[in-house]
Amino acid sequence: MKIFKWRKDESQPNQEDQVEWLQNENDKLLNQVESLKLDLTELRAENQDLVNKLSGNKYHRTFIKTGSGLGVLMVTYILLALMEAKPTDITWLLLIEAVFIFLMLRGDDK
């Protein structure tokens, strides 16, 4: 009978072994959670960098410069019209200003 009891005792896992195994599994899961948190933090940082690059790209800057140049042209025309300048003077001044803005935008491409 003692042999059977010995086999029965050996076939049942030891409680301490189960606790140790569960602790090991818990540690592995905690490590995986921490690595996922780090990955998520890195991905958020990379996403923010890409958003910053996208918002500061060449086309965005070109649109801003073009819009501001057109705004300056409109303000100049309004000021010249209020000062009652000659129409030929207004045309030449606006043409010179438009060429300057165009060259400024072209210089940024190079």
PDB file of N, CA and C in Angstrom:
ATOM      1  N   MET A   1       0.806  -1.191   0.000  1.00  0.00           N
ATOM      2  CA  MET A   1       0.000   0.000   0.000  1.00  0.00           C
ATOM      3  C   MET A   1       0.859   1.269   0.000  1.00  0.00           C
ATOM      4  N   LYS A   2       1.970   1.206   0.639  1.00  0.00           N
ATOM      5  CA  LYS A   2       2.820   2.369   0.716  1.00  0.00           C
ATOM      6  C   LYS A   2       3.311   2.789  -0.679  1.00  0.00           C
ATOM      7  N   ILE A   3       3.533   1.883  -1.538  1.00  0.00           N
ATOM      8  CA  ILE A   3       3.973   2.186  -2.894  1.00  0.00           C
ATOM      9  C   ILE A   3       2.896   2.974  -3.626  1.00  0.00           C
ATOM     10  N   PHE A   4       1.643   2.562  -3.443  1.00  0.00           N
ATOM     11  CA  PHE A   4       0.547   3.276  -4.106  1.00  0.00           C
ATOM     12  C   PHE A   4       0.397   4.699  -3.569  1.00  0.00           C
ATOM     13  N   LYS A   5       0.560   4.851  -2.269  1.00  0.00           N
ATOM     14  CA  LYS A   5       0.466   6.191  -1.700  1.00  0.00           C
ATOM     15  C   LYS A   5       1.620   7.067  -2.219  1.00  0.00           C
ATOM     16  N   TRP A   6       2.768   6.460  -2.323  1.00  0.00           N
ATOM     17  CA  TRP A   6       3.920   7.211  -2.806  1.00  0.00           C
ATOM     18  C   TRP A   6       3.681   7.681  -4.238  1.00  0.00           C
ATOM     19  N   ARG A   7       3.126   6.810  -5.076  1.00  0.00           N
ATOM     20  CA  ARG A   7       2.810   7.185  -6.453  1.00  0.00           C
ATOM     21  C   ARG A   7       1.730   8.257  -6.480  1.00  0.00           C
ATOM     22  N   LYS A   8       0.779   8.143  -5.612  1.00  0.00           N
ATOM     23  CA  LYS A   8      -0.302   9.126  -5.583  1.00  0.00           C
ATOM     24  C   LYS A   8       0.246  10.496  -5.168  1.00  0.00           C
ATOM     25  N   ASP A   9       1.111  10.512  -4.187  1.00  0.00           N
ATOM     26  CA  ASP A   9       1.707  11.768  -3.729  1.00  0.00           C
ATOM     27  C   ASP A   9       2.579  12.383  -4.821  1.00  0.00           C
ATOM     28  N   GLU A  10       3.297  11.566  -5.541  1.00  0.00           N
ATOM     29  CA  GLU A  10       4.173  12.071  -6.584  1.00  0.00           C
ATOM     30  C   GLU A  10       3.384  12.557  -7.783  1.00  0.00           C
ATOM     31  N   SER A  11       2.254  11.973  -8.083  1.00  0.00           N
ATOM     32  CA  SER A  11       1.465  12.366  -9.240  1.00  0.00           C
ATOM     33  C   SER A  11       0.800  13.729  -9.022  1.00  0.00           C
ATOM     34  N   GLN A  12       0.552  14.100  -7.788  1.00  0.00           N
ATOM     35  CA  GLN A  12      -0.031  15.413  -7.518  1.00  0.00           C
ATOM     36  C   GLN A  12       1.093  16.440  -7.441  1.00  0.00           C
ATOM     37  N   PRO A  13       0.945  17.538  -8.142  1.00  0.00           N
ATOM     38  CA  PRO A  13       1.998  18.559  -8.108  1.00  0.00           C
ATOM     39  C   PRO A  13       2.075  19.197  -6.726  1.00  0.00           C
ATOM     40  N   ASN A  14       3.245  19.544  -6.377  1.00  0.00           N
ATOM     41  CA  ASN A  14       3.496  20.168  -5.085  1.00  0.00           C
ATOM     42  C   ASN A  14       2.932  21.599  -5.106  1.00  0.00           C
ATOM     43  N   GLN A  15       2.349  22.020  -4.015  1.00  0.00           N
ATOM     44  CA  GLN A  15       1.739  23.353  -3.923  1.00  0.00           C
ATOM     45  C   GLN A  15       2.793  24.442  -4.111  1.00  0.00           C
ATOM     46  N   GLU A  16       3.952  24.249  -3.570  1.00  0.00           N
ATOM     47  CA  GLU A  16       5.019  25.237  -3.709  1.00  0.00           C
ATOM     48  C   GLU A  16       5.459  25.362  -5.162  1.00  0.00           C
ATOM     49  N   ASP A  17       5.506  24.235  -5.869  1.00  0.00           N
ATOM     50  CA  ASP A  17       5.878  24.267  -7.277  1.00  0.00           C
ATOM     51  C   ASP A  17       4.833  25.027  -8.089  1.00  0.00           C
ATOM     52  N   GLN A  18       3.579  24.850  -7.752  1.00  0.00           N
ATOM     53  CA  GLN A  18       2.519  25.563  -8.460  1.00  0.00           C
ATOM     54  C   GLN A  18       2.626  27.070  -8.219  1.00  0.00           C
ATOM     55  N   VAL A  19       2.885  27.454  -6.992  1.00  0.00           N
ATOM     56  CA  VAL A  19       3.008  28.878  -6.659  1.00  0.00           C
ATOM     57  C   VAL A  19       4.211  29.469  -7.395  1.00  0.00           C
ATOM     58  N   GLU A  20       5.303  28.737  -7.398  1.00  0.00           N
ATOM     59  CA  GLU A  20       6.496  29.216  -8.087  1.00  0.00           C
ATOM     60  C   GLU A  20       6.254  29.351  -9.591  1.00  0.00           C
ATOM     61  N   TRP A  21       5.578  28.377 -10.162  1.00  0.00           N
ATOM     62  CA  TRP A  21       5.262  28.421 -11.592  1.00  0.00           C
ATOM     63  C   TRP A  21       4.355  29.618 -11.900  1.00  0.00           C
ATOM     64  N   LEU A  22       3.352  29.847 -11.052  1.00  0.00           N
ATOM     65  CA  LEU A  22       2.450  30.982 -11.253  1.00  0.00           C
ATOM     66  C   LEU A  22       3.204  32.315 -11.111  1.00  0.00           C
ATOM     67  N   GLN A  23       4.129  32.370 -10.170  1.00  0.00           N
ATOM     68  CA  GLN A  23       4.917  33.593 -10.018  1.00  0.00           C
ATOM     69  C   GLN A  23       5.797  33.841 -11.242  1.00  0.00           C
ATOM     70  N   ASN A  24       6.371  32.773 -11.762  1.00  0.00           N
ATOM     71  CA  ASN A  24       7.185  32.903 -12.972  1.00  0.00           C
ATOM     72  C   ASN A  24       6.338  33.386 -14.153  1.00  0.00           C
ATOM     73  N   GLU A  25       5.162  32.824 -14.303  1.00  0.00           N
ATOM     74  CA  GLU A  25       4.261  33.246 -15.381  1.00  0.00           C
ATOM     75  C   GLU A  25       3.841  34.704 -15.191  1.00  0.00           C
ATOM     76  N   ASN A  26       3.567  35.068 -13.958  1.00  0.00           N
ATOM     77  CA  ASN A  26       3.199  36.452 -13.659  1.00  0.00           C
ATOM     78  C   ASN A  26       4.346  37.399 -14.006  1.00  0.00           C
ATOM     79  N   ASP A  27       5.570  37.032 -13.666  1.00  0.00           N
ATOM     80  CA  ASP A  27       6.734  37.848 -13.992  1.00  0.00           C
ATOM     81  C   ASP A  27       6.902  37.990 -15.506  1.00  0.00           C
ATOM     82  N   LYS A  28       6.714  36.897 -16.228  1.00  0.00           N
ATOM     83  CA  LYS A  28       6.823  36.952 -17.693  1.00  0.00           C
ATOM     84  C   LYS A  28       5.771  37.894 -18.280  1.00  0.00           C
ATOM     85  N   LEU A  29       4.549  37.792 -17.775  1.00  0.00           N
ATOM     86  CA  LEU A  29       3.476  38.658 -18.273  1.00  0.00           C
ATOM     87  C   LEU A  29       3.743  40.122 -17.931  1.00  0.00           C
ATOM     88  N   LEU A  30       4.255  40.374 -16.742  1.00  0.00           N
ATOM     89  CA  LEU A  30       4.586  41.751 -16.366  1.00  0.00           C
ATOM     90  C   LEU A  30       5.697  42.316 -17.259  1.00  0.00           C
ATOM     91  N   ASN A  31       6.689  41.490 -17.571  1.00  0.00           N
ATOM     92  CA  ASN A  31       7.758  41.924 -18.474  1.00  0.00           C
ATOM     93  C   ASN A  31       7.214  42.239 -19.860  1.00  0.00           C
ATOM     94  N   GLN A  32       6.278  41.411 -20.337  1.00  0.00           N
ATOM     95  CA  GLN A  32       5.678  41.657 -21.642  1.00  0.00           C
ATOM     96  C   GLN A  32       4.865  42.949 -21.634  1.00  0.00           C
ATOM     97  N   VAL A  33       4.144  43.209 -20.560  1.00  0.00           N
ATOM     98  CA  VAL A  33       3.366  44.446 -20.450  1.00  0.00           C
ATOM     99  C   VAL A  33       4.300  45.650 -20.451  1.00  0.00           C
ATOM    100  N   GLU A  34       5.404  45.566 -19.715  1.00  0.00           N
ATOM    101  CA  GLU A  34       6.357  46.668 -19.677  1.00  0.00           C
ATOM    102  C   GLU A  34       6.977  46.911 -21.050  1.00  0.00           C
ATOM    103  N   SER A  35       7.315  45.841 -21.760  1.00  0.00           N
ATOM    104  CA  SER A  35       7.896  46.024 -23.095  1.00  0.00           C
ATOM    105  C   SER A  35       6.866  46.618 -24.053  1.00  0.00           C
ATOM    106  N   LEU A  36       5.599  46.242 -23.908  1.00  0.00           N
ATOM    107  CA  LEU A  36       4.557  46.840 -24.743  1.00  0.00           C
ATOM    108  C   LEU A  36       4.366  48.322 -24.421  1.00  0.00           C
ATOM    109  N   LYS A  37       4.481  48.681 -23.153  1.00  0.00           N
ATOM    110  CA  LYS A  37       4.391  50.095 -22.775  1.00  0.00           C
ATOM    111  C   LYS A  37       5.536  50.882 -23.406  1.00  0.00           C
ATOM    112  N   LEU A  38       6.748  50.312 -23.384  1.00  0.00           N
ATOM    113  CA  LEU A  38       7.891  50.980 -23.991  1.00  0.00           C
ATOM    114  C   LEU A  38       7.700  51.114 -25.495  1.00  0.00           C
ATOM    115  N   ASP A  39       7.201  50.056 -26.137  1.00  0.00           N
ATOM    116  CA  ASP A  39       6.935  50.113 -27.575  1.00  0.00           C
ATOM    117  C   ASP A  39       5.905  51.184 -27.891  1.00  0.00           C
ATOM    118  N   LEU A  40       4.877  51.266 -27.084  1.00  0.00           N
ATOM    119  CA  LEU A  40       3.837  52.264 -27.291  1.00  0.00           C
ATOM    120  C   LEU A  40       4.398  53.680 -27.129  1.00  0.00           C
ATOM    121  N   THR A  41       5.251  53.877 -26.156  1.00  0.00           N
ATOM    122  CA  THR A  41       5.872  55.179 -25.957  1.00  0.00           C
ATOM    123  C   THR A  41       6.750  55.550 -27.148  1.00  0.00           C
ATOM    124  N   GLU A  42       7.519  54.579 -27.649  1.00  0.00           N
ATOM    125  CA  GLU A  42       8.367  54.833 -28.806  1.00  0.00           C
ATOM    126  C   GLU A  42       7.529  55.152 -30.037  1.00  0.00           C
ATOM    127  N   LEU A  43       6.440  54.437 -30.230  1.00  0.00           N
ATOM    128  CA  LEU A  43       5.579  54.689 -31.382  1.00  0.00           C
ATOM    129  C   LEU A  43       4.906  56.058 -31.294  1.00  0.00           C
ATOM    130  N   ARG A  44       4.519  56.462 -30.097  1.00  0.00           N
ATOM    131  CA  ARG A  44       3.938  57.796 -29.936  1.00  0.00           C
ATOM    132  C   ARG A  44       4.965  58.874 -30.267  1.00  0.00           C
ATOM    133  N   ALA A  45       6.200  58.684 -29.816  1.00  0.00           N
ATOM    134  CA  ALA A  45       7.259  59.661 -30.109  1.00  0.00           C
ATOM    135  C   ALA A  45       7.527  59.722 -31.613  1.00  0.00           C
ATOM    136  N   GLU A  46       7.569  58.555 -32.264  1.00  0.00           N
ATOM    137  CA  GLU A  46       7.785  58.517 -33.709  1.00  0.00           C
ATOM    138  C   GLU A  46       6.625  59.171 -34.445  1.00  0.00           C
ATOM    139  N   ASN A  47       5.397  58.935 -33.973  1.00  0.00           N
ATOM    140  CA  ASN A  47       4.226  59.550 -34.584  1.00  0.00           C
ATOM    141  C   ASN A  47       4.306  61.068 -34.461  1.00  0.00           C
ATOM    142  N   GLN A  48       4.701  61.565 -33.311  1.00  0.00           N
ATOM    143  CA  GLN A  48       4.820  63.010 -33.116  1.00  0.00           C
ATOM    144  C   GLN A  48       5.887  63.597 -34.026  1.00  0.00           C
ATOM    145  N   ASP A  49       7.010  62.885 -34.198  1.00  0.00           N
ATOM    146  CA  ASP A  49       8.060  63.355 -35.105  1.00  0.00           C
ATOM    147  C   ASP A  49       7.552  63.432 -36.538  1.00  0.00           C
ATOM    148  N   LEU A  50       6.803  62.409 -36.959  1.00  0.00           N
ATOM    149  CA  LEU A  50       6.262  62.416 -38.320  1.00  0.00           C
ATOM    150  C   LEU A  50       5.246  63.534 -38.515  1.00  0.00           C
ATOM    151  N   VAL A  51       4.434  63.794 -37.509  1.00  0.00           N
ATOM    152  CA  VAL A  51       3.467  64.897 -37.598  1.00  0.00           C
ATOM    153  C   VAL A  51       4.210  66.226 -37.712  1.00  0.00           C
ATOM    154  N   ASN A  52       5.282  66.390 -36.938  1.00  0.00           N
ATOM    155  CA  ASN A  52       6.071  67.623 -37.014  1.00  0.00           C
ATOM    156  C   ASN A  52       6.729  67.778 -38.381  1.00  0.00           C
ATOM    157  N   LYS A  53       7.250  66.683 -38.921  1.00  0.00           N
ATOM    158  CA  LYS A  53       7.860  66.746 -40.250  1.00  0.00           C
ATOM    159  C   LYS A  53       6.821  67.072 -41.314  1.00  0.00           C
ATOM    160  N   LEU A  54       5.653  66.473 -41.185  1.00  0.00           N
ATOM    161  CA  LEU A  54       4.609  66.700 -42.177  1.00  0.00           C
ATOM    162  C   LEU A  54       4.115  68.136 -42.141  1.00  0.00           C
ATOM    163  N   SER A  55       3.963  68.675 -40.960  1.00  0.00           N
ATOM    164  CA  SER A  55       3.470  70.049 -40.860  1.00  0.00           C
ATOM    165  C   SER A  55       4.531  71.048 -41.300  1.00  0.00           C
ATOM    166  N   GLY A  56       5.774  70.683 -41.257  1.00  0.00           N
ATOM    167  CA  GLY A  56       6.846  71.588 -41.655  1.00  0.00           C
ATOM    168  C   GLY A  56       7.427  71.262 -43.010  1.00  0.00           C
ATOM    169  N   ASN A  57       6.713  70.527 -43.837  1.00  0.00           N
ATOM    170  CA  ASN A  57       7.282  70.132 -45.119  1.00  0.00           C
ATOM    171  C   ASN A  57       7.302  71.299 -46.096  1.00  0.00           C
ATOM    172  N   LYS A  58       7.907  71.066 -47.244  1.00  0.00           N
ATOM    173  CA  LYS A  58       8.143  72.114 -48.230  1.00  0.00           C
ATOM    174  C   LYS A  58       6.839  72.699 -48.765  1.00  0.00           C
ATOM    175  N   TYR A  59       5.871  71.869 -49.058  1.00  0.00           N
ATOM    176  CA  TYR A  59       4.622  72.369 -49.638  1.00  0.00           C
ATOM    177  C   TYR A  59       3.863  73.247 -48.654  1.00  0.00           C
ATOM    178  N   HIS A  60       3.885  72.851 -47.406  1.00  0.00           N
ATOM    179  CA  HIS A  60       3.204  73.636 -46.376  1.00  0.00           C
ATOM    180  C   HIS A  60       3.838  75.015 -46.275  1.00  0.00           C
ATOM    181  N   ARG A  61       5.161  75.056 -46.244  1.00  0.00           N
ATOM    182  CA  ARG A  61       5.859  76.343 -46.184  1.00  0.00           C
ATOM    183  C   ARG A  61       5.613  77.172 -47.437  1.00  0.00           C
ATOM    184  N   THR A  62       5.563  76.515 -48.605  1.00  0.00           N
ATOM    185  CA  THR A  62       5.315  77.226 -49.856  1.00  0.00           C
ATOM    186  C   THR A  62       3.927  77.856 -49.853  1.00  0.00           C
ATOM    187  N   PHE A  63       2.931  77.125 -49.375  1.00  0.00           N
ATOM    188  CA  PHE A  63       1.585  77.681 -49.312  1.00  0.00           C
ATOM    189  C   PHE A  63       1.513  78.873 -48.369  1.00  0.00           C
ATOM    190  N   ILE A  64       2.199  78.764 -47.260  1.00  0.00           N
ATOM    191  CA  ILE A  64       2.198  79.879 -46.302  1.00  0.00           C
ATOM    192  C   ILE A  64       2.864  81.108 -46.921  1.00  0.00           C
ATOM    193  N   LYS A  65       4.004  80.903 -47.584  1.00  0.00           N
ATOM    194  CA  LYS A  65       4.699  82.030 -48.201  1.00  0.00           C
ATOM    195  C   LYS A  65       3.885  82.629 -49.341  1.00  0.00           C
ATOM    196  N   THR A  66       3.248  81.782 -50.133  1.00  0.00           N
ATOM    197  CA  THR A  66       2.430  82.282 -51.233  1.00  0.00           C
ATOM    198  C   THR A  66       1.251  83.090 -50.699  1.00  0.00           C
ATOM    199  N   GLY A  67       0.601  82.566 -49.681  1.00  0.00           N
ATOM    200  CA  GLY A  67      -0.526  83.286 -49.081  1.00  0.00           C
ATOM    201  C   GLY A  67      -0.109  84.618 -48.496  1.00  0.00           C
ATOM    202  N   SER A  68       1.026  84.621 -47.812  1.00  0.00           N
ATOM    203  CA  SER A  68       1.489  85.887 -47.233  1.00  0.00           C
ATOM    204  C   SER A  68       1.906  86.852 -48.331  1.00  0.00           C
ATOM    205  N   GLY A  69       2.509  86.354 -49.407  1.00  0.00           N
ATOM    206  CA  GLY A  69       2.883  87.221 -50.531  1.00  0.00           C
ATOM    207  C   GLY A  69       1.674  87.837 -51.194  1.00  0.00           C
ATOM    208  N   LEU A  70       0.621  87.035 -51.396  1.00  0.00           N
ATOM    209  CA  LEU A  70      -0.611  87.583 -51.974  1.00  0.00           C
ATOM    210  C   LEU A  70      -1.252  88.594 -51.038  1.00  0.00           C
ATOM    211  N   GLY A  71      -1.178  88.345 -49.749  1.00  0.00           N
ATOM    212  CA  GLY A  71      -1.700  89.311 -48.778  1.00  0.00           C
ATOM    213  C   GLY A  71      -0.951  90.627 -48.845  1.00  0.00           C
ATOM    214  N   VAL A  72       0.372  90.553 -48.983  1.00  0.00           N
ATOM    215  CA  VAL A  72       1.179  91.772 -49.088  1.00  0.00           C
ATOM    216  C   VAL A  72       0.821  92.516 -50.374  1.00  0.00           C
ATOM    217  N   LEU A  73       0.615  91.777 -51.470  1.00  0.00           N
ATOM    218  CA  LEU A  73       0.210  92.419 -52.731  1.00  0.00           C
ATOM    219  C   LEU A  73      -1.115  93.151 -52.569  1.00  0.00           C
ATOM    220  N   MET A  74      -2.068  92.519 -51.904  1.00  0.00           N
ATOM    221  CA  MET A  74      -3.377  93.158 -51.722  1.00  0.00           C
ATOM    222  C   MET A  74      -3.255  94.403 -50.853  1.00  0.00           C
ATOM    223  N   VAL A  75      -2.498  94.317 -49.767  1.00  0.00           N
ATOM    224  CA  VAL A  75      -2.325  95.467 -48.880  1.00  0.00           C
ATOM    225  C   VAL A  75      -1.627  96.607 -49.629  1.00  0.00           C
ATOM    226  N   THR A  76      -0.622  96.263 -50.437  1.00  0.00           N
ATOM    227  CA  THR A  76       0.086  97.282 -51.205  1.00  0.00           C
ATOM    228  C   THR A  76      -0.856  97.966 -52.193  1.00  0.00           C
ATOM    229  N   TYR A  77      -1.661  97.183 -52.881  1.00  0.00           N
ATOM    230  CA  TYR A  77      -2.601  97.757 -53.839  1.00  0.00           C
ATOM    231  C   TYR A  77      -3.590  98.690 -53.141  1.00  0.00           C
ATOM    232  N   ILE A  78      -4.100  98.254 -52.004  1.00  0.00           N
ATOM    233  CA  ILE A  78      -5.066  99.089 -51.264  1.00  0.00           C
ATOM    234  C   ILE A  78      -4.400 100.396 -50.811  1.00  0.00           C
ATOM    235  N   LEU A  79      -3.180 100.330 -50.303  1.00  0.00           N
ATOM    236  CA  LEU A  79      -2.473 101.538 -49.876  1.00  0.00           C
ATOM    237  C   LEU A  79      -2.195 102.474 -51.045  1.00  0.00           C
ATOM    238  N   LEU A  80      -1.782 101.892 -52.174  1.00  0.00           N
ATOM    239  CA  LEU A  80      -1.517 102.733 -53.347  1.00  0.00           C
ATOM    240  C   LEU A  80      -2.808 103.351 -53.884  1.00  0.00           C
ATOM    241  N   ALA A  81      -3.904 102.608 -53.823  1.00  0.00           N
ATOM    242  CA  ALA A  81      -5.177 103.142 -54.285  1.00  0.00           C
ATOM    243  C   ALA A  81      -5.660 104.252 -53.360  1.00  0.00           C
ATOM    244  N   LEU A  82      -5.445 104.110 -52.061  1.00  0.00           N
ATOM    245  CA  LEU A  82      -5.840 105.157 -51.114  1.00  0.00           C
ATOM    246  C   LEU A  82      -4.983 106.415 -51.267  1.00  0.00           C
ATOM    247  N   MET A  83      -3.739 106.236 -51.659  1.00  0.00           N
ATOM    248  CA  MET A  83      -2.860 107.385 -51.865  1.00  0.00           C
ATOM    249  C   MET A  83      -3.066 107.999 -53.240  1.00  0.00           C
ATOM    250  N   GLU A  84      -3.981 107.450 -54.009  1.00  0.00           N
ATOM    251  CA  GLU A  84      -4.330 107.936 -55.347  1.00  0.00           C
ATOM    252  C   GLU A  84      -3.107 108.018 -56.250  1.00  0.00           C
ATOM    253  N   ALA A  85      -2.369 106.919 -56.302  1.00  0.00           N
ATOM    254  CA  ALA A  85      -1.216 106.846 -57.189  1.00  0.00           C
ATOM    255  C   ALA A  85      -1.701 106.647 -58.623  1.00  0.00           C
ATOM    256  N   LYS A  86      -0.839 106.959 -59.560  1.00  0.00           N
ATOM    257  CA  LYS A  86      -1.188 106.778 -60.968  1.00  0.00           C
ATOM    258  C   LYS A  86      -1.348 105.287 -61.258  1.00  0.00           C
ATOM    259  N   PRO A  87      -2.287 104.915 -62.130  1.00  0.00           N
ATOM    260  CA  PRO A  87      -2.482 103.490 -62.455  1.00  0.00           C
ATOM    261  C   PRO A  87      -1.232 102.816 -63.013  1.00  0.00           C
ATOM    262  N   THR A  88      -0.427 103.548 -63.764  1.00  0.00           N
ATOM    263  CA  THR A  88       0.795 102.926 -64.298  1.00  0.00           C
ATOM    264  C   THR A  88       1.796 102.667 -63.181  1.00  0.00           C
ATOM    265  N   ASP A  89       1.864 103.580 -62.206  1.00  0.00           N
ATOM    266  CA  ASP A  89       2.767 103.375 -61.074  1.00  0.00           C
ATOM    267  C   ASP A  89       2.326 102.171 -60.245  1.00  0.00           C
ATOM    268  N   ILE A  90       1.031 102.054 -60.041  1.00  0.00           N
ATOM    269  CA  ILE A  90       0.501 100.905 -59.282  1.00  0.00           C
ATOM    270  C   ILE A  90       0.855  99.599 -59.987  1.00  0.00           C
ATOM    271  N   THR A  91       0.679  99.589 -61.303  1.00  0.00           N
ATOM    272  CA  THR A  91       0.976  98.373 -62.071  1.00  0.00           C
ATOM    273  C   THR A  91       2.442  97.984 -61.935  1.00  0.00           C
ATOM    274  N   TRP A  92       3.350  98.954 -62.116  1.00  0.00           N
ATOM    275  CA  TRP A  92       4.770  98.644 -62.041  1.00  0.00           C
ATOM    276  C   TRP A  92       5.192  98.218 -60.637  1.00  0.00           C
ATOM    277  N   LEU A  93       4.690  98.899 -59.636  1.00  0.00           N
ATOM    278  CA  LEU A  93       5.050  98.532 -58.263  1.00  0.00           C
ATOM    279  C   LEU A  93       4.546  97.133 -57.896  1.00  0.00           C
ATOM    280  N   LEU A  94       3.305  96.837 -58.284  1.00  0.00           N
ATOM    281  CA  LEU A  94       2.778  95.503 -57.993  1.00  0.00           C
ATOM    282  C   LEU A  94       3.511  94.424 -58.785  1.00  0.00           C
ATOM    283  N   LEU A  95       3.898  94.728 -60.013  1.00  0.00           N
ATOM    284  CA  LEU A  95       4.653  93.774 -60.826  1.00  0.00           C
ATOM    285  C   LEU A  95       6.024  93.503 -60.207  1.00  0.00           C
ATOM    286  N   ILE A  96       6.683  94.548 -59.757  1.00  0.00           N
ATOM    287  CA  ILE A  96       7.993  94.367 -59.114  1.00  0.00           C
ATOM    288  C   ILE A  96       7.847  93.554 -57.838  1.00  0.00           C
ATOM    289  N   GLU A  97       6.821  93.836 -57.077  1.00  0.00           N
ATOM    290  CA  GLU A  97       6.596  93.091 -55.838  1.00  0.00           C
ATOM    291  C   GLU A  97       6.260  91.626 -56.122  1.00  0.00           C
ATOM    292  N   ALA A  98       5.463  91.362 -57.150  1.00  0.00           N
ATOM    293  CA  ALA A  98       5.117  89.988 -57.506  1.00  0.00           C
ATOM    294  C   ALA A  98       6.355  89.214 -57.947  1.00  0.00           C
ATOM    295  N   VAL A  99       7.226  89.843 -58.721  1.00  0.00           N
ATOM    296  CA  VAL A  99       8.472  89.182 -59.149  1.00  0.00           C
ATOM    297  C   VAL A  99       9.341  88.882 -57.934  1.00  0.00           C
ATOM    298  N   PHE A 100       9.424  89.822 -57.013  1.00  0.00           N
ATOM    299  CA  PHE A 100      10.209  89.605 -55.800  1.00  0.00           C
ATOM    300  C   PHE A 100       9.672  88.400 -55.013  1.00  0.00           C
ATOM    301  N   ILE A 101       8.353  88.322 -54.856  1.00  0.00           N
ATOM    302  CA  ILE A 101       7.749  87.195 -54.123  1.00  0.00           C
ATOM    303  C   ILE A 101       8.012  85.885 -54.865  1.00  0.00           C
ATOM    304  N   PHE A 102       7.886  85.898 -56.202  1.00  0.00           N
ATOM    305  CA  PHE A 102       8.132  84.700 -56.997  1.00  0.00           C
ATOM    306  C   PHE A 102       9.578  84.231 -56.833  1.00  0.00           C
ATOM    307  N   LEU A 103      10.525  85.161 -56.882  1.00  0.00           N
ATOM    308  CA  LEU A 103      11.933  84.794 -56.713  1.00  0.00           C
ATOM    309  C   LEU A 103      12.210  84.294 -55.302  1.00  0.00           C
ATOM    310  N   MET A 104      11.549  84.875 -54.328  1.00  0.00           N
ATOM    311  CA  MET A 104      11.710  84.417 -52.943  1.00  0.00           C
ATOM    312  C   MET A 104      11.240  82.964 -52.816  1.00  0.00           C
ATOM    313  N   LEU A 105      10.106  82.634 -53.444  1.00  0.00           N
ATOM    314  CA  LEU A 105       9.604  81.259 -53.369  1.00  0.00           C
ATOM    315  C   LEU A 105      10.500  80.299 -54.150  1.00  0.00           C
ATOM    316  N   ARG A 106      11.031  80.737 -55.275  1.00  0.00           N
ATOM    317  CA  ARG A 106      11.914  79.880 -56.074  1.00  0.00           C
ATOM    318  C   ARG A 106      13.229  79.612 -55.359  1.00  0.00           C
ATOM    319  N   GLY A 107      13.724  80.597 -54.628  1.00  0.00           N
ATOM    320  CA  GLY A 107      14.975  80.434 -53.900  1.00  0.00           C
ATOM    321  C   GLY A 107      14.863  79.391 -52.803  1.00  0.00           C
ATOM    322  N   ASP A 108      13.665  79.195 -52.286  1.00  0.00           N
ATOM    323  CA  ASP A 108      13.459  78.213 -51.221  1.00  0.00           C
ATOM    324  C   ASP A 108      13.507  76.787 -51.774  1.00  0.00           C
ATOM    325  N   ASP A 109      13.152  76.602 -53.042  1.00  0.00           N
ATOM    326  CA  ASP A 109      13.175  75.265 -53.646  1.00  0.00           C
ATOM    327  C   ASP A 109      14.590  74.738 -53.807  1.00  0.00           C
ATOM    328  N   LYS A 110      15.529  75.636 -54.027  1.00  0.00           N
ATOM    329  CA  LYS A 110      16.912  75.205 -54.239  1.00  0.00           C
ATOM    330  C   LYS A 110      17.548  74.981 -52.913  1.00  0.00           C
TER     331      LYS A 110
END
